[in-house]
Amino acid sequence: MAVVKKEHIKNAAERVYRYMTESDSTDWGMNIHAWDWVPGVGVIALLHYYDQTGQEDVLNYLTGWVDRNQDKAGRTKVINSMAPFAIFPRLYEQTKQSYYLDQAKQISRWIVEEAPRTREGAFEHTVTEEDSFPEQVWADTIFMAVLLLARTAKLTKDADLAAQALEQVAIHLRLLQDKETGVLFHGWNCAQGDHLSAARWTRANAWVCVAVPEILAEISELIAIPSEIGLHYKRMIDGLITYQNEQGLWHTVMDQAEFYHETSGSAGIACGIMLAIRRGMLDERYKDFVMKALNGVLANIHATGEVGSVSGGTPIMPTIEAYQTIERIPTLYGQGMVLMLLVECFGLE
């Protein structure tokens, strides 16, 4: 396996960062001036980049981004659109501006008190106010909404909010985990009692891989973490590594070897493994799988910083075959997942 020099990783991260923040695209995937889950994942990744590098230009970009877009904040009350708020607790810590704290608390209250829930108690996944997915649980929710709850809980020392975040992690793992392989299905329908098309979609697993170690780290001083959570997470990772291909990547539906390689999900899984190692949830031997994925991801970063082979927006598709029809386009979440992986790998050589 090729050894990747630290400077190569850092240079790639800088290119990916620049491609995100210097783009003037109005396309859905790269429009960072919208307020939705796509730019939300982007700014979450930029905050991660700042936390690891301390680059003041990154923090200034984030505070400027909020200033420019705050009139859009909270207009659309759906789970996916809560993603950008996950940066607010940390921005409050950095700036002490009360706006960030007030918004984090207000949106967290909306999620807990008003967001629709399934009969199982999971937050019902909602994407837009026009579309409804009644009684559906999607893996995406853990990253898009529960991460905010955990970060707000830590900032405000709210044990009840921490318990809400932990409950959602437990419910989602229980409902989505495949008993046979340990990996997660894309979704669950509480009314029908099934996993819909039963796709073992790679990016669904990536959202959970990244979010769970972060969530548990945020709330661990406020509430006891049951050992079952860690066991479920490790079983998921052990299942995922069996699907990693020779290029170090995962196919967009991981058990479909003829489907295309998908970079955002592959980067997210590898990043989650690194986060879990850092949090003590996994041991050091899992770094071998990360290094393999890192090489595969780097091969998909263009000289411009654009990340290639990223699948576009993907609802739960009616059939497994339909996932292969999703086009690959540049997206902020693809850039973001890759940036987070690169940051976590700064110490790998």
Protein backbone atom coordinates (compact mmCIF):
# COMPACT_ATOMS: atom_id res chain seq x y z
CA MET A 1 0.00 0.00 0.00
CA ALA A 2 1.40 3.41 -0.97
CA VAL A 3 2.47 5.61 1.93
CA VAL A 4 0.95 9.09 1.74
CA LYS A 5 3.10 11.99 2.92
CA LYS A 6 1.58 14.43 5.38
CA GLU A 7 2.27 17.38 3.08
CA HIS A 8 0.41 15.63 0.25
CA ILE A 9 -2.64 15.23 2.50
CA LYS A 10 -2.47 18.84 3.69
CA ASN A 11 -2.13 20.16 0.15
CA ALA A 12 -5.12 18.10 -0.94
CA ALA A 13 -7.15 19.44 2.00
CA GLU A 14 -6.30 23.01 1.08
CA ARG A 15 -7.38 22.44 -2.53
CA VAL A 16 -10.66 20.85 -1.45
CA TYR A 17 -11.30 23.73 0.97
CA ARG A 18 -10.58 26.36 -1.69
CA TYR A 19 -12.84 24.63 -4.20
CA MET A 20 -15.70 24.80 -1.68
CA THR A 21 -15.28 28.39 -0.58
CA GLU A 22 -14.25 30.04 -3.83
CA SER A 23 -16.99 28.52 -5.96
CA ASP A 24 -19.68 30.89 -7.24
CA SER A 25 -21.82 28.00 -8.47
CA THR A 26 -25.58 28.24 -8.17
CA ASP A 27 -26.00 24.54 -8.93
CA TRP A 28 -27.80 22.58 -6.21
CA GLY A 29 -24.74 20.54 -5.27
CA MET A 30 -22.22 23.38 -4.98
CA ASN A 31 -24.31 26.41 -3.97
CA ILE A 32 -22.82 27.24 -0.60
CA HIS A 33 -25.05 30.31 -0.31
CA ALA A 34 -28.22 28.29 0.23
CA TRP A 35 -29.50 27.15 3.64
CA ASP A 36 -30.04 23.43 3.51
CA TRP A 37 -28.36 20.14 4.29
CA VAL A 38 -25.95 20.33 1.35
CA PRO A 39 -24.17 23.54 2.42
CA GLY A 40 -24.81 22.39 5.99
CA VAL A 41 -22.52 19.41 5.58
CA GLY A 42 -20.07 21.74 3.87
CA VAL A 43 -19.86 24.20 6.76
CA ILE A 44 -19.72 21.39 9.34
CA ALA A 45 -16.66 20.09 7.50
CA LEU A 46 -15.13 23.58 7.32
CA LEU A 47 -15.53 23.90 11.08
CA HIS A 48 -13.81 20.55 11.49
CA TYR A 49 -10.99 21.86 9.30
CA TYR A 50 -10.69 24.97 11.46
CA ASP A 51 -10.69 22.99 14.71
CA GLN A 52 -7.79 20.87 13.50
CA THR A 53 -5.73 23.62 11.82
CA GLY A 54 -6.61 26.83 13.64
CA GLN A 55 -6.62 28.72 10.32
CA GLU A 56 -8.24 32.07 11.05
CA ASP A 57 -9.37 32.48 7.44
CA VAL A 58 -11.57 29.40 7.85
CA LEU A 59 -13.22 30.76 11.01
CA ASN A 60 -13.69 34.14 9.34
CA TYR A 61 -15.30 32.44 6.36
CA LEU A 62 -17.76 30.61 8.63
CA THR A 63 -18.81 33.66 10.62
CA GLY A 64 -19.15 35.61 7.37
CA TRP A 65 -21.19 32.78 5.88
CA VAL A 66 -23.64 32.94 8.79
CA ASP A 67 -23.85 36.74 8.55
CA ARG A 68 -24.68 36.53 4.84
CA ASN A 69 -27.23 33.76 5.18
CA GLN A 70 -28.84 34.16 8.60
CA ASP A 71 -32.02 35.63 7.12
CA LYS A 72 -32.62 32.16 5.63
CA ALA A 73 -31.93 30.30 8.89
CA GLY A 74 -34.82 28.27 10.23
CA ARG A 75 -37.27 29.29 7.51
CA THR A 76 -37.71 25.69 6.44
CA LYS A 77 -38.58 23.51 9.40
CA VAL A 78 -37.50 20.07 8.23
CA ILE A 79 -34.90 17.70 9.67
CA ASN A 80 -32.43 18.00 6.79
CA SER A 81 -32.41 21.80 6.91
CA MET A 82 -31.22 21.76 10.51
CA ALA A 83 -27.72 20.66 9.46
CA PRO A 84 -26.09 24.14 9.26
CA PHE A 85 -27.00 24.87 12.87
CA ALA A 86 -24.55 22.20 14.04
CA ILE A 87 -21.74 24.75 13.72
CA PHE A 88 -23.45 27.28 16.00
CA PRO A 89 -22.42 25.92 19.43
CA ARG A 90 -18.75 26.00 18.42
CA LEU A 91 -19.07 29.45 16.84
CA TYR A 92 -20.54 30.68 20.12
CA GLU A 93 -17.53 29.30 21.98
CA GLN A 94 -15.21 31.09 19.58
CA THR A 95 -17.01 34.44 19.33
CA LYS A 96 -19.25 34.65 22.42
CA GLN A 97 -21.94 36.17 20.22
CA SER A 98 -25.28 35.35 21.84
CA TYR A 99 -26.97 34.88 18.45
CA TYR A 100 -25.25 31.53 17.97
CA LEU A 101 -26.25 30.25 21.40
CA ASP A 102 -29.85 31.48 21.12
CA GLN A 103 -30.31 29.88 17.70
CA ALA A 104 -28.75 26.56 18.77
CA LYS A 105 -31.11 26.37 21.75
CA GLN A 106 -34.17 27.45 19.77
CA ILE A 107 -33.65 24.99 16.93
CA SER A 108 -32.81 22.17 19.36
CA ARG A 109 -36.11 22.84 21.12
CA TRP A 110 -37.96 22.70 17.81
CA ILE A 111 -36.38 19.36 16.95
CA VAL A 112 -37.18 17.81 20.33
CA GLU A 113 -40.62 19.33 20.88
CA GLU A 114 -42.12 19.76 17.41
CA ALA A 115 -40.35 17.71 14.75
CA PRO A 116 -42.56 14.78 13.73
CA ARG A 117 -41.67 11.36 15.12
CA THR A 118 -42.44 7.85 14.02
CA ARG A 119 -44.33 5.37 16.19
CA GLU A 120 -40.92 4.03 17.24
CA GLY A 121 -39.95 7.45 18.59
CA ALA A 122 -37.40 8.27 15.89
CA PHE A 123 -37.38 11.67 14.24
CA GLU A 124 -39.27 11.25 10.99
CA HIS A 125 -36.92 12.12 8.16
CA THR A 126 -38.07 15.18 6.27
CA VAL A 127 -36.26 16.75 3.30
CA THR A 128 -38.54 19.55 2.09
CA GLU A 129 -41.86 20.96 3.22
CA GLU A 130 -43.42 19.73 -0.02
CA ASP A 131 -42.35 16.11 0.36
CA SER A 132 -43.43 13.81 3.15
CA PHE A 133 -41.98 10.48 4.21
CA PRO A 134 -44.43 9.41 6.92
CA GLU A 135 -43.15 6.85 9.41
CA GLN A 136 -39.75 6.70 7.67
CA VAL A 137 -36.44 6.57 9.52
CA TRP A 138 -33.32 7.48 7.52
CA ALA A 139 -29.71 7.12 8.63
CA ASP A 140 -29.07 10.70 7.43
CA THR A 141 -30.96 12.15 10.41
CA ILE A 142 -28.19 11.30 12.88
CA PHE A 143 -25.79 13.67 11.11
CA MET A 144 -28.31 16.30 10.00
CA ALA A 145 -30.12 16.87 13.30
CA VAL A 146 -28.87 14.77 16.21
CA LEU A 147 -25.33 16.15 16.00
CA LEU A 148 -26.75 19.60 16.73
CA LEU A 149 -28.61 18.28 19.78
CA ALA A 150 -25.45 16.75 21.20
CA ARG A 151 -23.35 19.86 20.66
CA THR A 152 -26.00 22.11 22.17
CA ALA A 153 -26.35 19.75 25.12
CA LYS A 154 -22.64 19.97 25.85
CA LEU A 155 -22.56 23.75 25.51
CA THR A 156 -25.56 24.27 27.80
CA LYS A 157 -24.82 21.28 30.08
CA ASP A 158 -28.36 20.03 29.39
CA ALA A 159 -28.53 16.35 30.42
CA ASP A 160 -32.10 16.01 29.15
CA LEU A 161 -31.06 17.16 25.69
CA ALA A 162 -28.12 14.76 25.82
CA ALA A 163 -30.56 11.95 26.64
CA GLN A 164 -32.66 12.87 23.61
CA ALA A 165 -29.59 12.66 21.37
CA LEU A 166 -28.55 9.32 22.84
CA GLU A 167 -32.05 7.93 22.43
CA GLN A 168 -32.06 8.81 18.73
CA VAL A 169 -28.70 7.12 18.19
CA ALA A 170 -29.96 3.98 19.92
CA ILE A 171 -33.24 3.90 17.98
CA HIS A 172 -31.60 4.46 14.60
CA LEU A 173 -28.98 1.78 15.17
CA ARG A 174 -31.63 -0.67 16.31
CA LEU A 175 -33.98 -0.06 13.40
CA LEU A 176 -31.43 0.26 10.61
CA GLN A 177 -28.77 -2.33 11.44
CA ASP A 178 -28.77 -5.46 9.30
CA LYS A 179 -28.72 -8.46 11.62
CA GLU A 180 -26.89 -10.52 9.04
CA THR A 181 -24.00 -8.21 8.05
CA GLY A 182 -23.94 -5.53 10.75
CA VAL A 183 -24.05 -2.66 8.24
CA LEU A 184 -26.96 -0.26 8.03
CA PHE A 185 -29.81 -0.15 5.58
CA HIS A 186 -30.68 3.25 4.15
CA GLY A 187 -34.04 3.42 5.85
CA TRP A 188 -36.84 1.80 7.82
CA ASN A 189 -40.60 2.16 7.46
CA CYS A 190 -42.22 1.94 10.89
CA ALA A 191 -45.72 1.47 9.47
CA GLN A 192 -44.75 -1.35 7.11
CA GLY A 193 -42.12 -2.87 9.37
CA ASP A 194 -39.51 -3.19 6.63
CA HIS A 195 -36.38 -1.59 5.21
CA LEU A 196 -38.18 -0.46 2.04
CA SER A 197 -35.87 -1.36 -0.87
CA ALA A 198 -33.39 -2.77 1.67
CA ALA A 199 -30.38 -1.03 0.13
CA ARG A 200 -27.11 -1.19 2.02
CA TRP A 201 -26.35 2.29 0.79
CA THR A 202 -22.81 3.42 1.47
CA ARG A 203 -23.47 7.09 2.24
CA ALA A 204 -26.17 6.20 4.76
CA ASN A 205 -23.55 4.26 6.70
CA ALA A 206 -21.11 7.15 6.33
CA TRP A 207 -23.45 9.65 8.01
CA VAL A 208 -23.69 7.39 11.05
CA CYS A 209 -19.99 6.45 11.02
CA VAL A 210 -19.00 10.11 11.33
CA ALA A 211 -21.75 11.37 13.60
CA VAL A 212 -21.88 8.73 16.33
CA PRO A 213 -18.31 9.17 17.69
CA GLU A 214 -18.82 12.93 17.64
CA ILE A 215 -22.20 12.72 19.39
CA LEU A 216 -20.96 10.38 22.10
CA ALA A 217 -17.92 12.56 22.76
CA GLU A 218 -20.16 15.60 23.22
CA ILE A 219 -22.58 14.01 25.68
CA SER A 220 -20.36 11.57 27.58
CA GLU A 221 -19.88 13.91 30.54
CA LEU A 222 -23.62 14.53 30.82
CA ILE A 223 -25.05 11.01 30.59
CA ALA A 224 -23.87 7.42 30.85
CA ILE A 225 -23.36 5.75 27.46
CA PRO A 226 -24.67 2.15 27.43
CA SER A 227 -22.11 -0.38 26.22
CA GLU A 228 -24.61 -1.60 23.62
CA ILE A 229 -24.11 1.58 21.59
CA GLY A 230 -20.40 0.90 21.19
CA LEU A 231 -21.05 -2.74 20.38
CA HIS A 232 -23.56 -1.82 17.66
CA TYR A 233 -21.12 0.71 16.23
CA LYS A 234 -18.19 -1.71 16.16
CA ARG A 235 -20.36 -4.37 14.53
CA MET A 236 -21.28 -1.86 11.84
CA ILE A 237 -17.61 -1.04 11.19
CA ASP A 238 -16.63 -4.72 11.13
CA GLY A 239 -19.33 -5.30 8.54
CA LEU A 240 -18.32 -2.31 6.47
CA ILE A 241 -14.68 -3.27 6.10
CA THR A 242 -15.70 -6.56 4.50
CA TYR A 243 -17.16 -4.54 1.59
CA GLN A 244 -14.11 -2.30 1.04
CA ASN A 245 -12.81 -3.02 -2.46
CA GLU A 246 -9.28 -3.23 -3.85
CA GLN A 247 -9.21 0.51 -4.57
CA GLY A 248 -9.97 1.17 -0.89
CA LEU A 249 -13.46 2.45 -1.69
CA TRP A 250 -17.05 1.30 -1.36
CA HIS A 251 -19.59 0.94 -4.16
CA THR A 252 -22.58 3.26 -3.93
CA VAL A 253 -24.58 0.22 -2.76
CA MET A 254 -21.83 -1.64 -1.01
CA ASP A 255 -22.86 -5.22 -1.76
CA GLN A 256 -23.31 -4.52 -5.49
CA ALA A 257 -19.81 -4.97 -6.92
CA GLU A 258 -20.83 -3.83 -10.39
CA PHE A 259 -22.08 -0.43 -9.11
CA TYR A 260 -19.81 2.62 -9.28
CA HIS A 261 -17.39 3.61 -6.53
CA GLU A 262 -18.80 6.44 -4.41
CA THR A 263 -16.30 8.88 -2.91
CA SER A 264 -18.37 10.79 -0.34
CA GLY A 265 -19.58 7.64 1.41
CA SER A 266 -16.14 6.04 1.26
CA ALA A 267 -14.53 9.13 2.79
CA GLY A 268 -17.20 9.31 5.48
CA ILE A 269 -16.74 5.70 6.52
CA ALA A 270 -12.97 6.11 6.74
CA CYS A 271 -13.31 9.40 8.62
CA GLY A 272 -15.71 7.77 11.07
CA ILE A 273 -13.22 5.00 11.72
CA MET A 274 -10.51 7.56 12.50
CA LEU A 275 -12.84 9.48 14.80
CA ALA A 276 -13.78 6.26 16.58
CA ILE A 277 -10.12 5.34 17.04
CA ARG A 278 -9.44 8.80 18.48
CA ARG A 279 -12.45 8.45 20.83
CA GLY A 280 -11.33 4.99 22.02
CA MET A 281 -14.22 3.13 20.36
CA LEU A 282 -11.94 1.18 17.99
CA ASP A 283 -8.36 0.00 18.31
CA GLU A 284 -5.38 1.04 16.21
CA ARG A 285 -5.52 -1.91 13.81
CA TYR A 286 -8.44 -0.28 12.01
CA LYS A 287 -6.06 2.41 10.69
CA ASP A 288 -5.02 0.01 7.93
CA PHE A 289 -8.51 0.28 6.43
CA VAL A 290 -8.37 4.07 6.70
CA MET A 291 -5.03 4.25 4.88
CA LYS A 292 -6.39 2.08 2.11
CA ALA A 293 -9.44 4.32 1.78
CA LEU A 294 -7.30 7.46 1.89
CA ASN A 295 -5.36 6.32 -1.17
CA GLY A 296 -8.59 5.61 -3.02
CA VAL A 297 -10.11 8.97 -2.09
CA LEU A 298 -6.99 10.94 -3.03
CA ALA A 299 -7.16 9.39 -6.49
CA ASN A 300 -10.58 11.05 -6.91
CA ILE A 301 -9.48 14.58 -6.00
CA HIS A 302 -8.85 16.59 -9.15
CA ALA A 303 -6.05 19.15 -9.45
CA THR A 304 -8.66 21.91 -9.00
CA GLY A 305 -9.78 20.46 -5.66
CA GLU A 306 -13.03 19.09 -7.06
CA VAL A 307 -13.94 15.69 -5.62
CA GLY A 308 -15.10 13.26 -8.28
CA SER A 309 -17.45 10.27 -8.28
CA VAL A 310 -19.90 11.71 -5.74
CA SER A 311 -23.50 10.57 -6.12
CA GLY A 312 -26.15 13.27 -6.24
CA GLY A 313 -29.03 13.64 -3.81
CA THR A 314 -30.42 10.21 -3.05
CA PRO A 315 -33.75 9.52 -1.38
CA ILE A 316 -34.63 5.95 -0.50
CA MET A 317 -34.95 4.53 -3.99
CA PRO A 318 -37.74 2.14 -4.99
CA THR A 319 -35.27 -0.60 -5.94
CA ILE A 320 -31.62 -1.34 -5.31
CA GLU A 321 -30.95 -1.05 -9.05
CA ALA A 322 -32.26 2.52 -9.01
CA TYR A 323 -29.33 3.67 -6.84
CA GLN A 324 -27.00 3.02 -9.77
CA THR A 325 -28.96 5.56 -11.85
CA ILE A 326 -28.10 8.49 -9.56
CA GLU A 327 -25.73 10.79 -11.44
CA ARG A 328 -22.34 11.75 -10.06
CA ILE A 329 -21.83 15.50 -9.61
CA PRO A 330 -19.66 17.90 -7.58
CA THR A 331 -21.31 18.54 -4.21
CA LEU A 332 -20.50 20.33 -0.98
CA TYR A 333 -21.20 17.18 1.02
CA GLY A 334 -18.75 15.26 -1.16
CA GLN A 335 -16.15 17.96 -0.67
CA GLY A 336 -16.97 18.08 3.02
CA MET A 337 -16.72 14.37 3.75
CA VAL A 338 -13.40 14.23 1.94
CA LEU A 339 -12.09 17.30 3.79
CA MET A 340 -13.00 15.72 7.13
CA LEU A 341 -11.19 12.52 6.22
CA LEU A 342 -8.08 14.41 5.12
CA VAL A 343 -8.02 16.39 8.34
CA GLU A 344 -8.30 13.23 10.42
CA CYS A 345 -5.39 11.73 8.44
CA PHE A 346 -2.93 14.60 8.97
CA GLY A 347 -1.10 12.40 11.47
CA LEU A 348 -0.97 9.31 9.27
CA GLU A 349 2.22 8.49 7.39
